[in-house]
């Protein structure tokens, strides 16, 4: 598909190289910034995604999730873990 859109296929390999180097760089949005998001957020992950599920739960908690909703109501953000799923 890439080759149909781009006449210069060498660019694909340069792109892949850049993506692979980028993917191993540490990245942190920051807990303060995540907790400060005003809009509802839907976090979606596969149970075998490559993202640690503990991190997804941590982000969910930062967004106001993991409450006793029967007593305090549902948070505006949601967490969805799809079973038997990878990132792809």
PDB file of N, CA and C in Angstrom:
ATOM      1  N   UNK A   1       0.814  -1.185   0.000  1.00  0.00           N
ATOM      2  CA  UNK A   1       0.000   0.000   0.000  1.00  0.00           C
ATOM      3  C   UNK A   1       0.866   1.262   0.000  1.00  0.00           C
ATOM      4  N   UNK A   2       1.933   1.267   0.793  1.00  0.00           N
ATOM      5  CA  UNK A   2       2.814   2.430   0.843  1.00  0.00           C
ATOM      6  C   UNK A   2       3.382   2.721  -0.539  1.00  0.00           C
ATOM      7  N   UNK A   3       3.789   1.659  -1.257  1.00  0.00           N
ATOM      8  CA  UNK A   3       4.409   1.846  -2.561  1.00  0.00           C
ATOM      9  C   UNK A   3       3.441   2.465  -3.567  1.00  0.00           C
ATOM     10  N   UNK A   4       2.148   2.193  -3.431  1.00  0.00           N
ATOM     11  CA  UNK A   4       1.160   2.800  -4.330  1.00  0.00           C
ATOM     12  C   UNK A   4       1.052   4.304  -4.081  1.00  0.00           C
ATOM     13  N   UNK A   5       1.241   4.711  -2.834  1.00  0.00           N
ATOM     14  CA  UNK A   5       1.089   6.118  -2.465  1.00  0.00           C
ATOM     15  C   UNK A   5       2.371   6.932  -2.667  1.00  0.00           C
ATOM     16  N   UNK A   6       3.521   6.250  -2.673  1.00  0.00           N
ATOM     17  CA  UNK A   6       4.806   6.953  -2.717  1.00  0.00           C
ATOM     18  C   UNK A   6       5.713   6.325  -3.759  1.00  0.00           C
ATOM     19  N   UNK A   7       6.202   7.142  -4.637  1.00  0.00           N
ATOM     20  CA  UNK A   7       7.047   6.639  -5.723  1.00  0.00           C
ATOM     21  C   UNK A   7       8.440   6.250  -5.236  1.00  0.00           C
ATOM     22  N   UNK A   8       8.912   6.825  -4.143  1.00  0.00           N
ATOM     23  CA  UNK A   8      10.281   6.583  -3.677  1.00  0.00           C
ATOM     24  C   UNK A   8      10.239   5.619  -2.500  1.00  0.00           C
ATOM     25  N   UNK A   9      10.472   4.344  -2.762  1.00  0.00           N
ATOM     26  CA  UNK A   9      10.323   3.336  -1.706  1.00  0.00           C
ATOM     27  C   UNK A   9      11.419   3.412  -0.647  1.00  0.00           C
ATOM     28  N   UNK A  10      12.553   4.056  -0.956  1.00  0.00           N
ATOM     29  CA  UNK A  10      13.609   4.181   0.071  1.00  0.00           C
ATOM     30  C   UNK A  10      13.109   4.976   1.279  1.00  0.00           C
ATOM     31  N   UNK A  11      12.152   5.855   1.049  1.00  0.00           N
ATOM     32  CA  UNK A  11      11.607   6.659   2.144  1.00  0.00           C
ATOM     33  C   UNK A  11      10.937   5.774   3.185  1.00  0.00           C
ATOM     34  N   UNK A  12      10.356   4.666   2.744  1.00  0.00           N
ATOM     35  CA  UNK A  12       9.698   3.741   3.666  1.00  0.00           C
ATOM     36  C   UNK A  12      10.695   3.210   4.680  1.00  0.00           C
ATOM     37  N   UNK A  13      11.864   2.801   4.226  1.00  0.00           N
ATOM     38  CA  UNK A  13      12.867   2.237   5.131  1.00  0.00           C
ATOM     39  C   UNK A  13      13.433   3.300   6.065  1.00  0.00           C
ATOM     40  N   UNK A  14      13.567   4.520   5.579  1.00  0.00           N
ATOM     41  CA  UNK A  14      13.996   5.604   6.471  1.00  0.00           C
ATOM     42  C   UNK A  14      12.936   5.873   7.530  1.00  0.00           C
ATOM     43  N   UNK A  15      11.677   5.849   7.113  1.00  0.00           N
ATOM     44  CA  UNK A  15      10.573   6.028   8.055  1.00  0.00           C
ATOM     45  C   UNK A  15      10.582   4.921   9.109  1.00  0.00           C
ATOM     46  N   UNK A  16      10.713   3.660   8.682  1.00  0.00           N
ATOM     47  CA  UNK A  16      10.746   2.546   9.632  1.00  0.00           C
ATOM     48  C   UNK A  16      11.896   2.696  10.613  1.00  0.00           C
ATOM     49  N   UNK A  17      13.053   3.081  10.111  1.00  0.00           N
ATOM     50  CA  UNK A  17      14.208   3.276  10.981  1.00  0.00           C
ATOM     51  C   UNK A  17      13.926   4.358  12.023  1.00  0.00           C
ATOM     52  N   UNK A  18      13.344   5.474  11.594  1.00  0.00           N
ATOM     53  CA  UNK A  18      13.012   6.550  12.528  1.00  0.00           C
ATOM     54  C   UNK A  18      11.981   6.085  13.558  1.00  0.00           C
ATOM     55  N   UNK A  19      10.970   5.355  13.094  1.00  0.00           N
ATOM     56  CA  UNK A  19       9.927   4.872  14.013  1.00  0.00           C
ATOM     57  C   UNK A  19      10.503   3.920  15.053  1.00  0.00           C
ATOM     58  N   UNK A  20      11.372   3.014  14.625  1.00  0.00           N
ATOM     59  CA  UNK A  20      11.942   2.049  15.577  1.00  0.00           C
ATOM     60  C   UNK A  20      12.824   2.757  16.595  1.00  0.00           C
ATOM     61  N   UNK A  21      13.580   3.764  16.171  1.00  0.00           N
ATOM     62  CA  UNK A  21      14.391   4.526  17.121  1.00  0.00           C
ATOM     63  C   UNK A  21      13.520   5.336  18.068  1.00  0.00           C
ATOM     64  N   UNK A  22      12.448   5.919  17.547  1.00  0.00           N
ATOM     65  CA  UNK A  22      11.515   6.691  18.372  1.00  0.00           C
ATOM     66  C   UNK A  22      10.816   5.808  19.396  1.00  0.00           C
ATOM     67  N   UNK A  23      10.461   4.604  18.986  1.00  0.00           N
ATOM     68  CA  UNK A  23       9.673   3.700  19.830  1.00  0.00           C
ATOM     69  C   UNK A  23      10.410   3.264  21.092  1.00  0.00           C
ATOM     70  N   UNK A  24      11.712   3.276  21.078  1.00  0.00           N
ATOM     71  CA  UNK A  24      12.462   2.844  22.263  1.00  0.00           C
ATOM     72  C   UNK A  24      12.858   4.011  23.174  1.00  0.00           C
ATOM     73  N   UNK A  25      12.498   5.235  22.780  1.00  0.00           N
ATOM     74  CA  UNK A  25      12.799   6.398  23.610  1.00  0.00           C
ATOM     75  C   UNK A  25      11.772   6.510  24.739  1.00  0.00           C
ATOM     76  N   UNK A  26      12.234   6.778  25.960  1.00  0.00           N
ATOM     77  CA  UNK A  26      11.280   6.972  27.051  1.00  0.00           C
ATOM     78  C   UNK A  26      10.414   8.207  26.791  1.00  0.00           C
ATOM     79  N   UNK A  27       9.160   8.100  27.140  1.00  0.00           N
ATOM     80  CA  UNK A  27       8.230   9.212  26.944  1.00  0.00           C
ATOM     81  C   UNK A  27       7.323   9.293  28.159  1.00  0.00           C
ATOM     82  N   UNK A  28       7.180  10.467  28.673  1.00  0.00           N
ATOM     83  CA  UNK A  28       6.283  10.651  29.817  1.00  0.00           C
ATOM     84  C   UNK A  28       5.521  11.955  29.630  1.00  0.00           C
ATOM     85  N   UNK A  29       4.221  11.843  29.535  1.00  0.00           N
ATOM     86  CA  UNK A  29       3.367  13.031  29.447  1.00  0.00           C
ATOM     87  C   UNK A  29       3.347  13.749  30.789  1.00  0.00           C
ATOM     88  N   UNK A  30       3.498  12.994  31.842  1.00  0.00           N
ATOM     89  CA  UNK A  30       3.502  13.560  33.183  1.00  0.00           C
ATOM     90  C   UNK A  30       2.190  13.315  33.889  1.00  0.00           C
ATOM     91  N   UNK A  31       2.285  12.815  35.102  1.00  0.00           N
ATOM     92  CA  UNK A  31       1.087  12.491  35.874  1.00  0.00           C
ATOM     93  C   UNK A  31       0.218  13.727  36.106  1.00  0.00           C
ATOM     94  N   UNK A  32       0.850  14.851  36.333  1.00  0.00           N
ATOM     95  CA  UNK A  32       0.106  16.081  36.584  1.00  0.00           C
ATOM     96  C   UNK A  32      -0.740  16.470  35.364  1.00  0.00           C
ATOM     97  N   UNK A  33      -0.155  16.331  34.171  1.00  0.00           N
ATOM     98  CA  UNK A  33      -0.880  16.674  32.950  1.00  0.00           C
ATOM     99  C   UNK A  33      -2.013  15.683  32.690  1.00  0.00           C
ATOM    100  N   UNK A  34      -1.774  14.407  32.941  1.00  0.00           N
ATOM    101  CA  UNK A  34      -2.818  13.398  32.738  1.00  0.00           C
ATOM    102  C   UNK A  34      -3.969  13.647  33.707  1.00  0.00           C
ATOM    103  N   UNK A  35      -3.638  13.826  34.966  1.00  0.00           N
ATOM    104  CA  UNK A  35      -4.670  14.060  35.977  1.00  0.00           C
ATOM    105  C   UNK A  35      -5.428  15.357  35.717  1.00  0.00           C
ATOM    106  N   UNK A  36      -4.813  16.289  35.018  1.00  0.00           N
ATOM    107  CA  UNK A  36      -5.437  17.574  34.758  1.00  0.00           C
ATOM    108  C   UNK A  36      -6.326  17.614  33.520  1.00  0.00           C
ATOM    109  N   UNK A  37      -6.426  16.499  32.793  1.00  0.00           N
ATOM    110  CA  UNK A  37      -7.293  16.492  31.605  1.00  0.00           C
ATOM    111  C   UNK A  37      -8.740  16.686  32.027  1.00  0.00           C
ATOM    112  N   UNK A  38      -9.403  17.635  31.414  1.00  0.00           N
ATOM    113  CA  UNK A  38     -10.768  17.977  31.817  1.00  0.00           C
ATOM    114  C   UNK A  38     -11.825  17.127  31.118  1.00  0.00           C
ATOM    115  N   UNK A  39     -11.482  16.586  29.947  1.00  0.00           N
ATOM    116  CA  UNK A  39     -12.479  15.836  29.195  1.00  0.00           C
ATOM    117  C   UNK A  39     -12.475  14.360  29.594  1.00  0.00           C
ATOM    118  N   UNK A  40     -13.586  13.653  29.362  1.00  0.00           N
ATOM    119  CA  UNK A  40     -13.597  12.208  29.613  1.00  0.00           C
ATOM    120  C   UNK A  40     -12.609  11.513  28.667  1.00  0.00           C
ATOM    121  N   UNK A  41     -11.938  10.507  29.168  1.00  0.00           N
ATOM    122  CA  UNK A  41     -10.951   9.769  28.379  1.00  0.00           C
ATOM    123  C   UNK A  41     -11.339   8.297  28.373  1.00  0.00           C
ATOM    124  N   UNK A  42     -11.260   7.672  27.212  1.00  0.00           N
ATOM    125  CA  UNK A  42     -11.454   6.234  27.093  1.00  0.00           C
ATOM    126  C   UNK A  42     -10.094   5.611  26.831  1.00  0.00           C
ATOM    127  N   UNK A  43      -9.589   4.856  27.791  1.00  0.00           N
ATOM    128  CA  UNK A  43      -8.332   4.131  27.629  1.00  0.00           C
ATOM    129  C   UNK A  43      -8.680   2.741  27.110  1.00  0.00           C
ATOM    130  N   UNK A  44      -8.059   2.330  26.005  1.00  0.00           N
ATOM    131  CA  UNK A  44      -8.333   1.031  25.407  1.00  0.00           C
ATOM    132  C   UNK A  44      -7.016   0.293  25.237  1.00  0.00           C
ATOM    133  N   UNK A  45      -6.986  -0.957  25.654  1.00  0.00           N
ATOM    134  CA  UNK A  45      -5.790  -1.767  25.516  1.00  0.00           C
ATOM    135  C   UNK A  45      -6.188  -3.216  25.329  1.00  0.00           C
ATOM    136  N   UNK A  46      -5.356  -3.955  24.639  1.00  0.00           N
ATOM    137  CA  UNK A  46      -5.517  -5.402  24.582  1.00  0.00           C
ATOM    138  C   UNK A  46      -4.851  -6.014  25.797  1.00  0.00           C
ATOM    139  N   UNK A  47      -5.313  -7.174  26.207  1.00  0.00           N
ATOM    140  CA  UNK A  47      -4.706  -7.788  27.390  1.00  0.00           C
ATOM    141  C   UNK A  47      -3.298  -8.311  27.112  1.00  0.00           C
ATOM    142  N   UNK A  48      -2.909  -8.368  25.850  1.00  0.00           N
ATOM    143  CA  UNK A  48      -1.553  -8.763  25.457  1.00  0.00           C
ATOM    144  C   UNK A  48      -0.981  -7.718  24.513  1.00  0.00           C
ATOM    145  N   UNK A  49      -1.151  -6.468  24.863  1.00  0.00           N
ATOM    146  CA  UNK A  49      -0.864  -5.341  23.987  1.00  0.00           C
ATOM    147  C   UNK A  49       0.604  -4.934  23.963  1.00  0.00           C
ATOM    148  N   UNK A  50       1.354  -5.091  24.937  1.00  0.00           N
ATOM    149  CA  UNK A  50       2.705  -4.537  24.961  1.00  0.00           C
ATOM    150  C   UNK A  50       2.769  -3.334  25.886  1.00  0.00           C
ATOM    151  N   UNK A  51       1.618  -2.812  26.257  1.00  0.00           N
ATOM    152  CA  UNK A  51       1.526  -1.798  27.299  1.00  0.00           C
ATOM    153  C   UNK A  51       1.231  -2.538  28.594  1.00  0.00           C
ATOM    154  N   UNK A  52       1.945  -2.235  29.620  1.00  0.00           N
ATOM    155  CA  UNK A  52       1.687  -2.898  30.891  1.00  0.00           C
ATOM    156  C   UNK A  52       0.289  -2.538  31.384  1.00  0.00           C
ATOM    157  N   UNK A  53      -0.491  -3.539  31.717  1.00  0.00           N
ATOM    158  CA  UNK A  53      -1.846  -3.290  32.203  1.00  0.00           C
ATOM    159  C   UNK A  53      -1.827  -2.457  33.483  1.00  0.00           C
ATOM    160  N   UNK A  54      -0.808  -2.647  34.287  1.00  0.00           N
ATOM    161  CA  UNK A  54      -0.684  -1.846  35.511  1.00  0.00           C
ATOM    162  C   UNK A  54      -0.564  -0.357  35.162  1.00  0.00           C
ATOM    163  N   UNK A  55       0.093  -0.036  34.052  1.00  0.00           N
ATOM    164  CA  UNK A  55       0.193   1.359  33.625  1.00  0.00           C
ATOM    165  C   UNK A  55      -1.172   1.889  33.205  1.00  0.00           C
ATOM    166  N   UNK A  56      -1.940   1.069  32.511  1.00  0.00           N
ATOM    167  CA  UNK A  56      -3.274   1.498  32.086  1.00  0.00           C
ATOM    168  C   UNK A  56      -4.153   1.782  33.307  1.00  0.00           C
ATOM    169  N   UNK A  57      -4.066   0.913  34.303  1.00  0.00           N
ATOM    170  CA  UNK A  57      -4.850   1.117  35.532  1.00  0.00           C
ATOM    171  C   UNK A  57      -4.369   2.384  36.245  1.00  0.00           C
ATOM    172  N   UNK A  58      -3.067   2.602  36.271  1.00  0.00           N
ATOM    173  CA  UNK A  58      -2.516   3.806  36.895  1.00  0.00           C
ATOM    174  C   UNK A  58      -3.051   5.064  36.199  1.00  0.00           C
ATOM    175  N   UNK A  59      -3.031   5.082  34.858  1.00  0.00           N
ATOM    176  CA  UNK A  59      -3.566   6.219  34.113  1.00  0.00           C
ATOM    177  C   UNK A  59      -5.052   6.408  34.407  1.00  0.00           C
ATOM    178  N   UNK A  60      -5.771   5.296  34.482  1.00  0.00           N
ATOM    179  CA  UNK A  60      -7.203   5.350  34.774  1.00  0.00           C
ATOM    180  C   UNK A  60      -7.451   5.985  36.139  1.00  0.00           C
ATOM    181  N   UNK A  61      -6.639   5.611  37.105  1.00  0.00           N
ATOM    182  CA  UNK A  61      -6.771   6.202  38.444  1.00  0.00           C
ATOM    183  C   UNK A  61      -6.466   7.700  38.419  1.00  0.00           C
ATOM    184  N   UNK A  62      -5.454   8.084  37.634  1.00  0.00           N
ATOM    185  CA  UNK A  62      -5.128   9.510  37.515  1.00  0.00           C
ATOM    186  C   UNK A  62      -6.297  10.297  36.928  1.00  0.00           C
ATOM    187  N   UNK A  63      -7.097   9.623  36.099  1.00  0.00           N
ATOM    188  CA  UNK A  63      -8.244  10.272  35.449  1.00  0.00           C
ATOM    189  C   UNK A  63      -9.513  10.171  36.281  1.00  0.00           C
ATOM    190  N   UNK A  64      -9.386   9.731  37.535  1.00  0.00           N
ATOM    191  CA  UNK A  64     -10.535   9.676  38.432  1.00  0.00           C
ATOM    192  C   UNK A  64     -11.222   8.325  38.489  1.00  0.00           C
ATOM    193  N   UNK A  65     -10.653   7.336  37.814  1.00  0.00           N
ATOM    194  CA  UNK A  65     -11.251   6.003  37.815  1.00  0.00           C
ATOM    195  C   UNK A  65     -10.874   5.200  39.036  1.00  0.00           C
ATOM    196  N   UNK A  66     -11.419   3.997  39.112  1.00  0.00           N
ATOM    197  CA  UNK A  66     -11.186   3.069  40.212  1.00  0.00           C
ATOM    198  C   UNK A  66     -11.831   3.577  41.505  1.00  0.00           C
ATOM    199  N   UNK A  67     -13.068   4.036  41.364  1.00  0.00           N
ATOM    200  CA  UNK A  67     -13.824   4.490  42.531  1.00  0.00           C
ATOM    201  C   UNK A  67     -14.852   3.432  42.920  1.00  0.00           C
ATOM    202  N   UNK A  68     -15.415   3.562  44.075  1.00  0.00           N
ATOM    203  CA  UNK A  68     -16.528   2.700  44.482  1.00  0.00           C
ATOM    204  C   UNK A  68     -17.787   3.356  43.921  1.00  0.00           C
ATOM    205  N   UNK A  69     -18.082   3.054  42.663  1.00  0.00           N
ATOM    206  CA  UNK A  69     -19.112   3.769  41.908  1.00  0.00           C
ATOM    207  C   UNK A  69     -20.511   3.590  42.488  1.00  0.00           C
ATOM    208  N   UNK A  70     -20.756   2.493  43.180  1.00  0.00           N
ATOM    209  CA  UNK A  70     -22.078   2.311  43.791  1.00  0.00           C
ATOM    210  C   UNK A  70     -22.363   3.398  44.826  1.00  0.00           C
ATOM    211  N   UNK A  71     -21.318   3.910  45.416  1.00  0.00           N
ATOM    212  CA  UNK A  71     -21.481   4.938  46.449  1.00  0.00           C
ATOM    213  C   UNK A  71     -21.222   6.349  45.915  1.00  0.00           C
ATOM    214  N   UNK A  72     -20.266   6.460  44.979  1.00  0.00           N
ATOM    215  CA  UNK A  72     -19.818   7.785  44.568  1.00  0.00           C
ATOM    216  C   UNK A  72     -20.140   8.131  43.118  1.00  0.00           C
ATOM    217  N   UNK A  73     -20.724   7.222  42.372  1.00  0.00           N
ATOM    218  CA  UNK A  73     -21.036   7.465  40.967  1.00  0.00           C
ATOM    219  C   UNK A  73     -19.890   7.075  40.054  1.00  0.00           C
ATOM    220  N   UNK A  74     -20.219   6.893  38.797  1.00  0.00           N
ATOM    221  CA  UNK A  74     -19.213   6.499  37.811  1.00  0.00           C
ATOM    222  C   UNK A  74     -18.322   7.682  37.448  1.00  0.00           C
ATOM    223  N   UNK A  75     -17.035   7.416  37.245  1.00  0.00           N
ATOM    224  CA  UNK A  75     -16.154   8.492  36.782  1.00  0.00           C
ATOM    225  C   UNK A  75     -16.464   8.801  35.314  1.00  0.00           C
ATOM    226  N   UNK A  76     -16.043   9.959  34.857  1.00  0.00           N
ATOM    227  CA  UNK A  76     -16.305  10.316  33.460  1.00  0.00           C
ATOM    228  C   UNK A  76     -15.389   9.561  32.498  1.00  0.00           C
ATOM    229  N   UNK A  77     -14.221   9.145  32.944  1.00  0.00           N
ATOM    230  CA  UNK A  77     -13.313   8.380  32.092  1.00  0.00           C
ATOM    231  C   UNK A  77     -13.582   6.887  32.234  1.00  0.00           C
ATOM    232  N   UNK A  78     -13.157   6.126  31.213  1.00  0.00           N
ATOM    233  CA  UNK A  78     -13.403   4.688  31.199  1.00  0.00           C
ATOM    234  C   UNK A  78     -12.141   3.939  30.807  1.00  0.00           C
ATOM    235  N   UNK A  79     -12.086   2.686  31.227  1.00  0.00           N
ATOM    236  CA  UNK A  79     -10.978   1.794  30.893  1.00  0.00           C
ATOM    237  C   UNK A  79     -11.547   0.539  30.259  1.00  0.00           C
ATOM    238  N   UNK A  80     -11.068   0.197  29.074  1.00  0.00           N
ATOM    239  CA  UNK A  80     -11.507  -1.018  28.380  1.00  0.00           C
ATOM    240  C   UNK A  80     -10.287  -1.887  28.092  1.00  0.00           C
ATOM    241  N   UNK A  81     -10.327  -3.127  28.560  1.00  0.00           N
ATOM    242  CA  UNK A  81      -9.282  -4.108  28.276  1.00  0.00           C
ATOM    243  C   UNK A  81      -9.915  -5.199  27.429  1.00  0.00           C
ATOM    244  N   UNK A  82      -9.475  -5.323  26.189  1.00  0.00           N
ATOM    245  CA  UNK A  82     -10.033  -6.330  25.298  1.00  0.00           C
ATOM    246  C   UNK A  82      -9.314  -7.661  25.504  1.00  0.00           C
ATOM    247  N   UNK A  83     -10.064  -8.736  25.781  1.00  0.00           N
ATOM    248  CA  UNK A  83      -9.425 -10.028  26.030  1.00  0.00           C
ATOM    249  C   UNK A  83      -8.896 -10.671  24.755  1.00  0.00           C
ATOM    250  N   UNK A  84      -7.798 -11.377  24.903  1.00  0.00           N
ATOM    251  CA  UNK A  84      -7.207 -12.110  23.775  1.00  0.00           C
ATOM    252  C   UNK A  84      -6.812 -11.206  22.618  1.00  0.00           C
ATOM    253  N   UNK A  85      -6.267 -10.035  22.950  1.00  0.00           N
ATOM    254  CA  UNK A  85      -5.975  -9.045  21.908  1.00  0.00           C
ATOM    255  C   UNK A  85      -4.553  -8.524  22.023  1.00  0.00           C
ATOM    256  N   UNK A  86      -3.958  -8.221  20.881  1.00  0.00           N
ATOM    257  CA  UNK A  86      -2.637  -7.594  20.836  1.00  0.00           C
ATOM    258  C   UNK A  86      -2.804  -6.142  20.421  1.00  0.00           C
ATOM    259  N   UNK A  87      -1.700  -5.448  20.244  1.00  0.00           N
ATOM    260  CA  UNK A  87      -1.765  -4.064  19.800  1.00  0.00           C
ATOM    261  C   UNK A  87      -2.252  -3.998  18.352  1.00  0.00           C
ATOM    262  N   UNK A  88      -1.847  -4.946  17.555  1.00  0.00           N
ATOM    263  CA  UNK A  88      -2.210  -4.930  16.133  1.00  0.00           C
ATOM    264  C   UNK A  88      -3.621  -5.429  15.956  1.00  0.00           C
TER     265      UNK A  88
END
